[in-house]
Amino acid sequence: MTKILRRWLLPVREVVSRGTDAVVESRLTDEGLLVVSVLSAMVVGLAIAVFHVGLTYAESWFHWLGTSVDLGLTVLTVPLLAALGGLTVGVLKRTMFRDLVAHEGLETVVHLADDQGHAPGFLHGLRALLLSTISIATGGGAGREAPTIILGASMASTVGRLVVLRPSQIRIIGAAGAAAAISGIFNAPLGGIVFAIEIISGDIKSKTFIPVVISSVVSTSVVRLLLGNHILLRTPAFLDALSMVDLGLLAIAGVLSAFVALYYLRTYRITHVFIRSSFQSLPFILRPMFGGLLAGIPLIFLPALLETSYEPINNAIAGIGVLWISIATIVLKPVTNAITLASGGEGGTFAPSLKVGALFGYCLGMAAEYVVPGVPPGMFALVCAGAVVSGTFSAPLTGAIVIFEISGNTSLLVPLLLSSVVCHFVVRRFALQTFNPRSTGITSSPPVIAQ
């Protein structure tokens, strides 16, 4: 009986063994890479949904605090809450994430572009998700996009390591994870694709492009399934037809946006250096606390500085902003952004620069109405938002495509591309350092024409 069973089981064992070998070998093929891209994008989409819900609850709490509590208590509570959030971040960095303190912001994704496939691991993703949620939700001045990019890259690279991919494949899957993160957080799959190729990878070969596209689509689908298909920027129907006069005004807006981008970059750099040197003598664990306190003080009178929602941007697009609040936010946003990150807080610069661009566009649109009556300020708010992002990140396509997609307005593409390219050109002519995740920290953007 035993011999008969062995005789029947031997072919089955051979089939199973061959199937297992085929699966193991297929992980190194292009098809296997696509399967890993899908799996990692699903994980990234789920994590981003959790991140988004957390920040939404934080925004609701701040709204309750501003409407239900008397001014005297708010003056005390808001800065202290930001300080408490900073202290929590400092404690976690010195305990749970002690070995990861040296990796700041998008520098953890820098090595995705090299041939060794160095990429952040799972702990980097957990660190980015947890610390940035605490920092942003308690009133920190940094944005949500850098943590999500680190999260996406780390989750994807971890999956790649688990299935023992080659270093070059881990590099590709990490870039796909970064694309999945941007796609999920902004509900913009095309924007995530362009971001990953233009800023993270720099590679448009099909072997890289296809996993990036699939990851972006899958991540966006997961987020939409869990949270709904909501457009982040609510755009009125004021761009059905653009005249040559409108295009001329938007080109001028692109030039002026370049100077706003230059102001953001220069102010951020000066503030960052000042805070770093001023906090050098403080214990590392306390630096984020004092940074949170400083960043939280302006929130008492300028809740538009909060990074928990896009409401100030939507108000600017709708043309219902308050002029002095918009101007004050434009002036102070790069300062609070730099204070948070220089002191050890968590977050990024994409969303803050987007907000500054939108509010500047609103102010510019209000001024343009006196010259050309009937011009909607919201049109300038949207276009300048994309232009300032393009200028600060030295990425004209990313700024234009992301704003175009998340606004849901097809008429925006031409003016966005025009203004973003003009802004990018002017910033490069000044050879000022720009935010670019493909290099460590802030990098120099050389002049277009070599001297």
Protein backbone atom coordinates (compact mmCIF):
# COMPACT_ATOMS: atom_id res chain seq x y z
CA MET A 1 0.00 0.00 0.00
CA THR A 2 2.84 2.32 0.88
CA LYS A 3 4.59 1.65 -2.41
CA ILE A 4 1.38 2.44 -4.30
CA LEU A 5 0.97 5.74 -2.46
CA ARG A 6 4.56 6.69 -3.14
CA ARG A 7 4.11 5.84 -6.79
CA TRP A 8 1.06 8.14 -7.02
CA LEU A 9 2.53 10.91 -4.87
CA LEU A 10 5.87 11.08 -6.70
CA PRO A 11 4.44 12.82 -9.80
CA VAL A 12 2.46 15.19 -7.58
CA ARG A 13 5.60 16.09 -5.63
CA GLU A 14 7.50 16.71 -8.86
CA VAL A 15 4.72 18.99 -10.14
CA VAL A 16 4.66 20.95 -6.88
CA SER A 17 8.45 21.21 -6.84
CA ARG A 18 8.57 22.49 -10.42
CA GLY A 19 5.77 24.94 -9.70
CA THR A 20 7.59 26.27 -6.65
CA ASP A 21 10.82 26.67 -8.62
CA ALA A 22 8.92 28.47 -11.37
CA VAL A 23 7.37 30.89 -8.85
CA VAL A 24 10.76 31.58 -7.26
CA GLU A 25 12.37 32.19 -10.62
CA SER A 26 9.46 34.31 -11.90
CA ARG A 27 10.02 36.89 -9.16
CA LEU A 28 13.07 38.04 -11.14
CA THR A 29 11.11 38.45 -14.38
CA ASP A 30 9.26 41.54 -15.58
CA GLU A 31 5.96 39.81 -14.79
CA GLY A 32 7.08 39.09 -11.24
CA LEU A 33 8.07 42.74 -10.84
CA LEU A 34 4.57 43.79 -11.85
CA VAL A 35 3.01 41.45 -9.28
CA VAL A 36 5.23 42.91 -6.56
CA SER A 37 4.27 46.42 -7.73
CA VAL A 38 0.58 45.59 -7.30
CA LEU A 39 1.05 44.07 -3.85
CA SER A 40 3.17 46.95 -2.55
CA ALA A 41 0.80 49.57 -4.01
CA MET A 42 -2.14 47.96 -2.18
CA VAL A 43 -0.22 48.18 1.11
CA VAL A 44 0.74 51.80 0.41
CA GLY A 45 -2.85 52.75 -0.46
CA LEU A 46 -4.13 51.26 2.81
CA ALA A 47 -1.48 53.08 4.86
CA ILE A 48 -2.23 56.40 3.14
CA ALA A 49 -5.94 56.01 3.89
CA VAL A 50 -5.12 55.60 7.59
CA PHE A 51 -2.80 58.63 7.43
CA HIS A 52 -5.49 60.76 5.78
CA VAL A 53 -8.16 59.81 8.31
CA GLY A 54 -5.82 60.70 11.17
CA LEU A 55 -5.16 64.18 9.78
CA THR A 56 -8.87 64.70 9.11
CA TYR A 57 -9.68 64.08 12.78
CA ALA A 58 -6.88 66.46 13.75
CA GLU A 59 -8.38 69.17 11.53
CA SER A 60 -11.78 68.67 13.17
CA TRP A 61 -10.22 69.06 16.60
CA PHE A 62 -8.49 72.32 15.64
CA HIS A 63 -11.77 73.62 14.19
CA TRP A 64 -13.55 72.82 17.47
CA LEU A 65 -10.77 74.48 19.42
CA GLY A 66 -11.04 77.67 17.38
CA THR A 67 -14.85 77.92 17.54
CA SER A 68 -15.78 76.50 20.94
CA VAL A 69 -13.00 77.69 23.25
CA ASP A 70 -12.48 81.28 24.40
CA LEU A 71 -9.55 83.21 22.96
CA GLY A 72 -7.51 83.22 26.16
CA LEU A 73 -7.51 79.44 26.42
CA THR A 74 -6.79 79.09 22.68
CA VAL A 75 -3.74 81.36 23.01
CA LEU A 76 -2.35 78.95 25.60
CA THR A 77 -3.54 75.66 24.09
CA VAL A 78 -2.43 75.94 20.44
CA PRO A 79 1.31 76.63 21.01
CA LEU A 80 1.44 74.17 23.91
CA LEU A 81 -0.18 71.48 21.77
CA ALA A 82 2.40 72.05 19.03
CA ALA A 83 5.17 71.93 21.65
CA LEU A 84 3.77 68.70 23.09
CA GLY A 85 3.69 67.19 19.61
CA GLY A 86 7.32 68.23 19.10
CA LEU A 87 8.33 66.73 22.43
CA THR A 88 6.63 63.45 21.50
CA VAL A 89 8.51 63.40 18.21
CA GLY A 90 11.80 64.08 20.01
CA VAL A 91 11.20 61.29 22.53
CA LEU A 92 10.30 58.78 19.82
CA LYS A 93 13.39 59.70 17.82
CA ARG A 94 15.57 59.05 20.85
CA THR A 95 13.87 55.79 21.80
CA MET A 96 11.87 53.77 19.28
CA PHE A 97 13.59 55.25 16.18
CA ARG A 98 16.99 56.05 17.66
CA ASP A 99 18.99 54.31 14.92
CA LEU A 100 17.06 56.16 12.17
CA VAL A 101 17.59 59.74 13.36
CA ALA A 102 20.23 60.45 10.71
CA HIS A 103 17.71 60.05 7.88
CA GLU A 104 15.74 63.24 7.39
CA GLY A 105 12.90 63.87 4.95
CA LEU A 106 13.31 62.75 1.36
CA GLU A 107 17.01 61.99 1.84
CA THR A 108 15.91 58.46 2.71
CA VAL A 109 14.73 58.06 -0.90
CA VAL A 110 17.87 59.53 -2.46
CA HIS A 111 19.54 56.20 -3.19
CA LEU A 112 16.57 54.92 -5.18
CA ALA A 113 18.27 56.43 -8.22
CA ASP A 114 21.57 54.54 -7.82
CA ASP A 115 22.42 51.15 -9.24
CA GLN A 116 22.79 49.40 -5.89
CA GLY A 117 19.10 49.52 -5.10
CA HIS A 118 19.58 51.13 -1.69
CA ALA A 119 16.14 52.02 -0.38
CA PRO A 120 14.58 52.76 3.01
CA GLY A 121 13.23 49.78 4.92
CA PHE A 122 9.95 49.19 6.71
CA LEU A 123 11.05 51.05 9.86
CA HIS A 124 11.61 54.20 7.82
CA GLY A 125 8.04 53.99 6.56
CA LEU A 126 6.67 53.43 10.05
CA ARG A 127 8.78 56.31 11.36
CA ALA A 128 7.58 58.64 8.58
CA LEU A 129 3.91 57.74 9.08
CA LEU A 130 3.89 57.98 12.87
CA LEU A 131 6.13 61.00 13.45
CA SER A 132 4.71 63.09 10.62
CA THR A 133 1.15 62.39 11.76
CA ILE A 134 2.02 63.60 15.26
CA SER A 135 3.95 66.63 13.98
CA ILE A 136 1.38 67.78 11.42
CA ALA A 137 -1.69 66.97 13.52
CA THR A 138 -0.44 68.99 16.50
CA GLY A 139 0.31 72.11 14.43
CA GLY A 140 3.69 71.56 12.82
CA GLY A 141 4.46 73.65 9.75
CA ALA A 142 5.56 70.83 7.42
CA GLY A 143 3.49 69.12 4.73
CA ARG A 144 2.25 65.56 4.33
CA GLU A 145 3.82 64.58 0.99
CA ALA A 146 7.40 63.76 2.06
CA PRO A 147 6.29 61.23 4.72
CA THR A 148 3.99 59.52 2.24
CA ILE A 149 6.78 59.26 -0.34
CA ILE A 150 9.10 57.71 2.26
CA LEU A 151 6.26 55.43 3.32
CA GLY A 152 5.59 54.32 -0.25
CA ALA A 153 9.24 53.75 -1.10
CA SER A 154 9.97 51.90 2.13
CA MET A 155 6.89 49.65 1.91
CA ALA A 156 7.64 48.77 -1.70
CA SER A 157 11.34 48.12 -1.11
CA THR A 158 10.51 45.96 1.92
CA VAL A 159 8.21 43.81 -0.21
CA GLY A 160 11.00 43.63 -2.79
CA ARG A 161 13.47 42.40 -0.19
CA LEU A 162 11.03 39.83 1.16
CA VAL A 163 10.78 38.20 -2.26
CA VAL A 164 14.55 38.62 -2.77
CA LEU A 165 14.56 40.89 -5.82
CA ARG A 166 17.75 42.11 -7.43
CA PRO A 167 19.10 45.52 -6.30
CA SER A 168 18.16 47.07 -9.67
CA GLN A 169 14.61 45.74 -9.29
CA ILE A 170 14.35 47.10 -5.75
CA ARG A 171 15.31 50.50 -7.16
CA ILE A 172 12.46 50.27 -9.66
CA ILE A 173 9.94 48.99 -7.13
CA GLY A 174 10.96 51.77 -4.70
CA ALA A 175 10.29 54.44 -7.32
CA ALA A 176 6.95 52.77 -8.03
CA GLY A 177 6.15 52.92 -4.33
CA ALA A 178 6.92 56.63 -4.26
CA ALA A 179 4.59 57.12 -7.23
CA ALA A 180 1.90 55.13 -5.42
CA ALA A 181 2.26 57.41 -2.40
CA ILE A 182 1.85 60.68 -4.30
CA SER A 183 -1.01 59.19 -6.33
CA GLY A 184 -2.80 58.04 -3.21
CA ILE A 185 -2.38 61.17 -1.08
CA PHE A 186 -3.42 63.56 -3.87
CA ASN A 187 -5.90 61.20 -5.62
CA ALA A 188 -3.86 61.88 -8.77
CA PRO A 189 -2.44 58.80 -10.54
CA LEU A 190 -1.02 60.77 -13.47
CA GLY A 191 0.60 63.25 -11.10
CA GLY A 192 2.20 60.40 -9.16
CA ILE A 193 3.63 58.94 -12.36
CA VAL A 194 5.13 62.24 -13.46
CA PHE A 195 6.48 62.94 -9.97
CA ALA A 196 8.26 59.58 -9.74
CA ILE A 197 9.81 59.90 -13.19
CA GLU A 198 10.73 63.59 -13.10
CA ILE A 199 11.92 63.89 -9.49
CA ILE A 200 12.62 60.43 -8.03
CA SER A 201 13.73 58.12 -10.82
CA GLY A 202 14.61 60.21 -13.86
CA ASP A 203 14.13 57.07 -15.97
CA ILE A 204 11.41 56.66 -18.61
CA LYS A 205 12.37 53.22 -19.87
CA SER A 206 9.47 50.78 -20.09
CA LYS A 207 10.98 48.52 -17.42
CA THR A 208 10.63 51.39 -14.93
CA PHE A 209 7.65 53.16 -16.43
CA ILE A 210 5.20 50.22 -16.40
CA PRO A 211 5.59 49.34 -12.67
CA VAL A 212 5.30 53.04 -11.81
CA VAL A 213 2.05 53.34 -13.77
CA ILE A 214 0.55 50.18 -12.27
CA SER A 215 1.50 51.19 -8.73
CA SER A 216 -0.03 54.64 -9.17
CA VAL A 217 -3.30 53.25 -10.50
CA VAL A 218 -3.60 50.53 -7.84
CA SER A 219 -2.78 52.86 -4.94
CA THR A 220 -5.28 55.47 -6.14
CA SER A 221 -7.94 52.80 -6.57
CA VAL A 222 -7.41 51.51 -3.02
CA VAL A 223 -7.63 55.02 -1.54
CA ARG A 224 -10.75 55.79 -3.58
CA LEU A 225 -12.33 52.52 -2.47
CA LEU A 226 -11.70 53.32 1.20
CA LEU A 227 -12.23 57.09 1.25
CA GLY A 228 -14.24 57.85 -1.88
CA ASN A 229 -13.29 59.61 -5.11
CA HIS A 230 -13.11 63.16 -3.80
CA ILE A 231 -11.42 66.02 -5.64
CA LEU A 232 -9.03 67.79 -3.29
CA LEU A 233 -9.24 71.18 -4.96
CA ARG A 234 -12.79 72.32 -5.71
CA THR A 235 -12.65 74.23 -8.98
CA PRO A 236 -15.51 76.48 -10.19
CA ALA A 237 -16.34 76.37 -13.89
CA PHE A 238 -14.56 79.60 -14.81
CA LEU A 239 -12.08 78.21 -17.32
CA ASP A 240 -14.32 76.97 -20.08
CA ALA A 241 -12.71 79.27 -22.63
CA LEU A 242 -9.44 81.15 -22.27
CA SER A 243 -8.73 84.18 -24.44
CA MET A 244 -5.31 85.37 -25.53
CA VAL A 245 -5.56 88.08 -22.89
CA ASP A 246 -6.06 85.39 -20.21
CA LEU A 247 -3.05 83.45 -21.45
CA GLY A 248 -0.95 86.62 -21.43
CA LEU A 249 -1.99 87.39 -17.85
CA LEU A 250 -1.20 83.84 -16.77
CA ALA A 251 2.24 84.02 -18.37
CA ILE A 252 2.88 87.17 -16.32
CA ALA A 253 1.56 85.28 -13.29
CA GLY A 254 4.16 82.60 -13.98
CA VAL A 255 6.95 85.18 -13.94
CA LEU A 256 5.69 86.72 -10.70
CA SER A 257 5.25 83.25 -9.18
CA ALA A 258 8.95 82.69 -9.78
CA PHE A 259 9.76 85.51 -7.38
CA VAL A 260 7.41 84.00 -4.81
CA ALA A 261 9.22 80.68 -5.25
CA LEU A 262 12.55 82.48 -4.84
CA TYR A 263 11.26 84.14 -1.67
CA TYR A 264 10.11 80.76 -0.33
CA LEU A 265 13.44 79.10 -1.05
CA ARG A 266 15.60 81.91 0.32
CA THR A 267 13.46 82.44 3.44
CA TYR A 268 13.34 78.73 4.11
CA ARG A 269 17.10 78.39 3.81
CA ILE A 270 17.90 81.38 6.05
CA THR A 271 15.40 80.26 8.70
CA HIS A 272 16.58 76.67 8.55
CA VAL A 273 20.23 77.64 9.09
CA PHE A 274 19.32 80.05 11.89
CA ILE A 275 17.18 77.51 13.79
CA ARG A 276 19.75 74.75 13.39
CA SER A 277 22.55 76.93 14.78
CA SER A 278 20.35 78.43 17.54
CA PHE A 279 19.13 75.01 18.73
CA GLN A 280 22.55 73.38 18.58
CA SER A 281 23.17 73.80 22.31
CA LEU A 282 19.78 72.30 23.26
CA PRO A 283 19.36 68.59 24.01
CA PHE A 284 18.32 66.80 20.84
CA ILE A 285 15.17 65.43 22.46
CA LEU A 286 13.93 68.96 23.29
CA ARG A 287 14.62 70.66 19.94
CA PRO A 288 11.35 69.60 18.26
CA MET A 289 9.45 70.84 21.33
CA PHE A 290 10.86 74.37 21.07
CA GLY A 291 10.39 74.26 17.30
CA GLY A 292 6.76 73.26 17.78
CA LEU A 293 6.26 76.09 20.25
CA LEU A 294 7.66 78.66 17.80
CA ALA A 295 5.67 77.26 14.87
CA GLY A 296 2.51 77.10 16.99
CA ILE A 297 2.46 80.75 18.07
CA PRO A 298 1.37 82.13 14.64
CA LEU A 299 -1.43 79.52 14.53
CA ILE A 300 -3.28 81.47 17.21
CA PHE A 301 -4.12 84.19 14.69
CA LEU A 302 -3.41 82.37 11.39
CA PRO A 303 -5.01 78.91 11.36
CA ALA A 304 -4.44 78.95 7.59
CA LEU A 305 -0.85 77.93 8.39
CA LEU A 306 -2.09 74.47 9.47
CA GLU A 307 -1.24 71.60 7.12
CA THR A 308 -4.06 69.28 8.16
CA SER A 309 -6.36 70.26 5.26
CA TYR A 310 -6.54 72.08 1.92
CA GLU A 311 -9.35 74.40 3.01
CA PRO A 312 -7.29 77.65 2.70
CA ILE A 313 -6.38 76.66 -0.87
CA ASN A 314 -10.00 75.88 -1.73
CA ASN A 315 -11.10 79.22 -0.28
CA ALA A 316 -8.54 80.99 -2.45
CA ILE A 317 -9.76 79.13 -5.54
CA ALA A 318 -13.35 80.04 -4.72
CA GLY A 319 -12.34 83.70 -4.35
CA ILE A 320 -13.53 83.97 -0.75
CA GLY A 321 -10.20 84.38 0.98
CA VAL A 322 -9.28 87.26 3.29
CA LEU A 323 -6.55 89.40 1.75
CA TRP A 324 -4.52 90.17 4.89
CA ILE A 325 -4.65 86.53 6.02
CA SER A 326 -3.43 85.42 2.60
CA ILE A 327 -0.52 87.88 2.64
CA ALA A 328 0.45 86.95 6.20
CA THR A 329 0.35 83.24 5.34
CA ILE A 330 2.54 83.79 2.27
CA VAL A 331 5.10 85.61 4.41
CA LEU A 332 5.11 83.20 7.36
CA LYS A 333 4.60 79.78 5.76
CA PRO A 334 8.24 79.21 4.69
CA VAL A 335 9.31 80.34 8.17
CA THR A 336 7.11 77.85 10.06
CA ASN A 337 7.96 75.14 7.54
CA ALA A 338 11.68 75.66 8.14
CA ILE A 339 11.30 75.95 11.93
CA THR A 340 9.48 72.61 12.09
CA LEU A 341 11.96 70.69 9.94
CA ALA A 342 15.14 72.36 11.24
CA SER A 343 14.19 71.67 14.86
CA GLY A 344 13.57 67.98 14.19
CA GLY A 345 9.88 67.90 13.29
CA GLU A 346 8.58 65.74 10.46
CA GLY A 347 6.97 66.52 7.13
CA GLY A 348 7.77 68.03 3.75
CA THR A 349 7.63 71.18 1.64
CA PHE A 350 5.36 70.27 -1.28
CA ALA A 351 2.01 71.11 0.34
CA PRO A 352 3.30 74.31 2.04
CA SER A 353 4.66 75.65 -1.26
CA LEU A 354 1.38 74.69 -2.93
CA LYS A 355 -0.51 76.74 -0.34
CA VAL A 356 1.77 79.76 -0.73
CA GLY A 357 1.33 79.63 -4.51
CA ALA A 358 -2.46 79.43 -4.29
CA LEU A 359 -2.75 82.31 -1.82
CA PHE A 360 -0.37 84.44 -3.89
CA GLY A 361 -2.47 83.71 -6.97
CA TYR A 362 -5.58 84.80 -5.12
CA CYS A 363 -3.94 88.10 -4.14
CA LEU A 364 -2.69 88.58 -7.69
CA GLY A 365 -6.15 87.81 -9.07
CA MET A 366 -7.72 90.38 -6.77
CA ALA A 367 -5.26 92.98 -8.10
CA ALA A 368 -5.83 91.88 -11.72
CA GLU A 369 -9.56 92.54 -11.38
CA TYR A 370 -8.82 96.24 -11.19
CA VAL A 371 -6.96 96.05 -14.51
CA VAL A 372 -9.17 93.55 -16.34
CA PRO A 373 -12.64 93.48 -14.72
CA GLY A 374 -14.24 90.06 -14.55
CA VAL A 375 -11.03 88.04 -14.24
CA PRO A 376 -11.66 85.39 -11.55
CA PRO A 377 -9.03 85.34 -8.76
CA GLY A 378 -9.49 81.58 -8.48
CA MET A 379 -7.98 81.08 -11.93
CA PHE A 380 -4.77 82.74 -10.73
CA ALA A 381 -4.86 80.78 -7.47
CA LEU A 382 -4.80 77.44 -9.27
CA VAL A 383 -2.22 78.39 -11.86
CA CYS A 384 0.14 80.08 -9.41
CA ALA A 385 -0.09 77.08 -7.08
CA GLY A 386 1.28 74.84 -9.82
CA ALA A 387 3.85 77.44 -10.86
CA VAL A 388 5.28 77.93 -7.35
CA VAL A 389 5.53 74.16 -6.82
CA SER A 390 7.34 73.86 -10.15
CA GLY A 391 9.74 76.63 -9.21
CA THR A 392 10.55 75.42 -5.69
CA PHE A 393 11.02 71.79 -6.76
CA SER A 394 12.61 72.45 -10.16
CA ALA A 395 9.96 70.18 -11.68
CA PRO A 396 7.72 71.99 -14.20
CA LEU A 397 5.76 68.94 -15.32
CA THR A 398 5.03 67.73 -11.78
CA GLY A 399 3.65 71.07 -10.62
CA ALA A 400 1.44 71.48 -13.68
CA ILE A 401 0.14 67.89 -13.91
CA VAL A 402 -0.59 67.44 -10.19
CA ILE A 403 -2.65 70.66 -10.01
CA PHE A 404 -4.36 69.87 -13.30
CA GLU A 405 -5.40 66.43 -12.11
CA ILE A 406 -6.46 67.14 -8.55
CA SER A 407 -8.49 70.15 -9.64
CA GLY A 408 -10.52 68.06 -12.08
CA ASN A 409 -10.61 70.95 -14.58
CA THR A 410 -9.43 69.98 -18.08
CA SER A 411 -9.17 73.61 -19.19
CA LEU A 412 -6.31 74.20 -16.76
CA LEU A 413 -3.66 72.18 -18.58
CA VAL A 414 -2.49 74.81 -21.07
CA PRO A 415 -2.20 77.74 -18.63
CA LEU A 416 -0.65 75.48 -15.99
CA LEU A 417 2.05 74.24 -18.35
CA LEU A 418 2.73 77.76 -19.57
CA SER A 419 3.03 79.34 -16.13
CA SER A 420 4.93 76.42 -14.60
CA VAL A 421 7.56 76.39 -17.33
CA VAL A 422 7.96 80.17 -17.16
CA CYS A 423 8.34 80.03 -13.36
CA HIS A 424 10.81 77.17 -13.56
CA PHE A 425 12.90 79.04 -16.16
CA VAL A 426 13.10 82.22 -14.08
CA VAL A 427 14.08 80.34 -10.90
CA ARG A 428 16.83 78.49 -12.76
CA ARG A 429 18.15 81.74 -14.17
CA PHE A 430 18.73 82.94 -10.63
CA ALA A 431 20.67 79.70 -9.92
CA LEU A 432 19.08 79.47 -6.48
CA GLN A 433 18.99 76.19 -4.58
CA THR A 434 15.72 74.29 -4.93
CA PHE A 435 13.99 71.42 -3.17
CA ASN A 436 14.79 68.30 -5.17
CA PRO A 437 14.36 64.80 -3.70
CA ARG A 438 16.79 63.33 -6.22
CA SER A 439 19.63 64.91 -4.29
CA THR A 440 20.42 65.36 -0.62
CA GLY A 441 18.40 68.12 0.98
CA ILE A 442 18.30 71.30 -1.06
CA THR A 443 20.35 71.34 -4.22
CA SER A 444 21.70 73.92 -6.54
CA SER A 445 19.74 74.58 -9.69
CA PRO A 446 22.25 75.79 -12.32
CA PRO A 447 21.53 78.50 -14.87
CA VAL A 448 19.91 77.37 -18.08
CA ILE A 449 22.68 78.89 -20.19
CA ALA A 450 26.19 77.93 -19.06
CA GLN A 451 28.42 80.88 -18.38
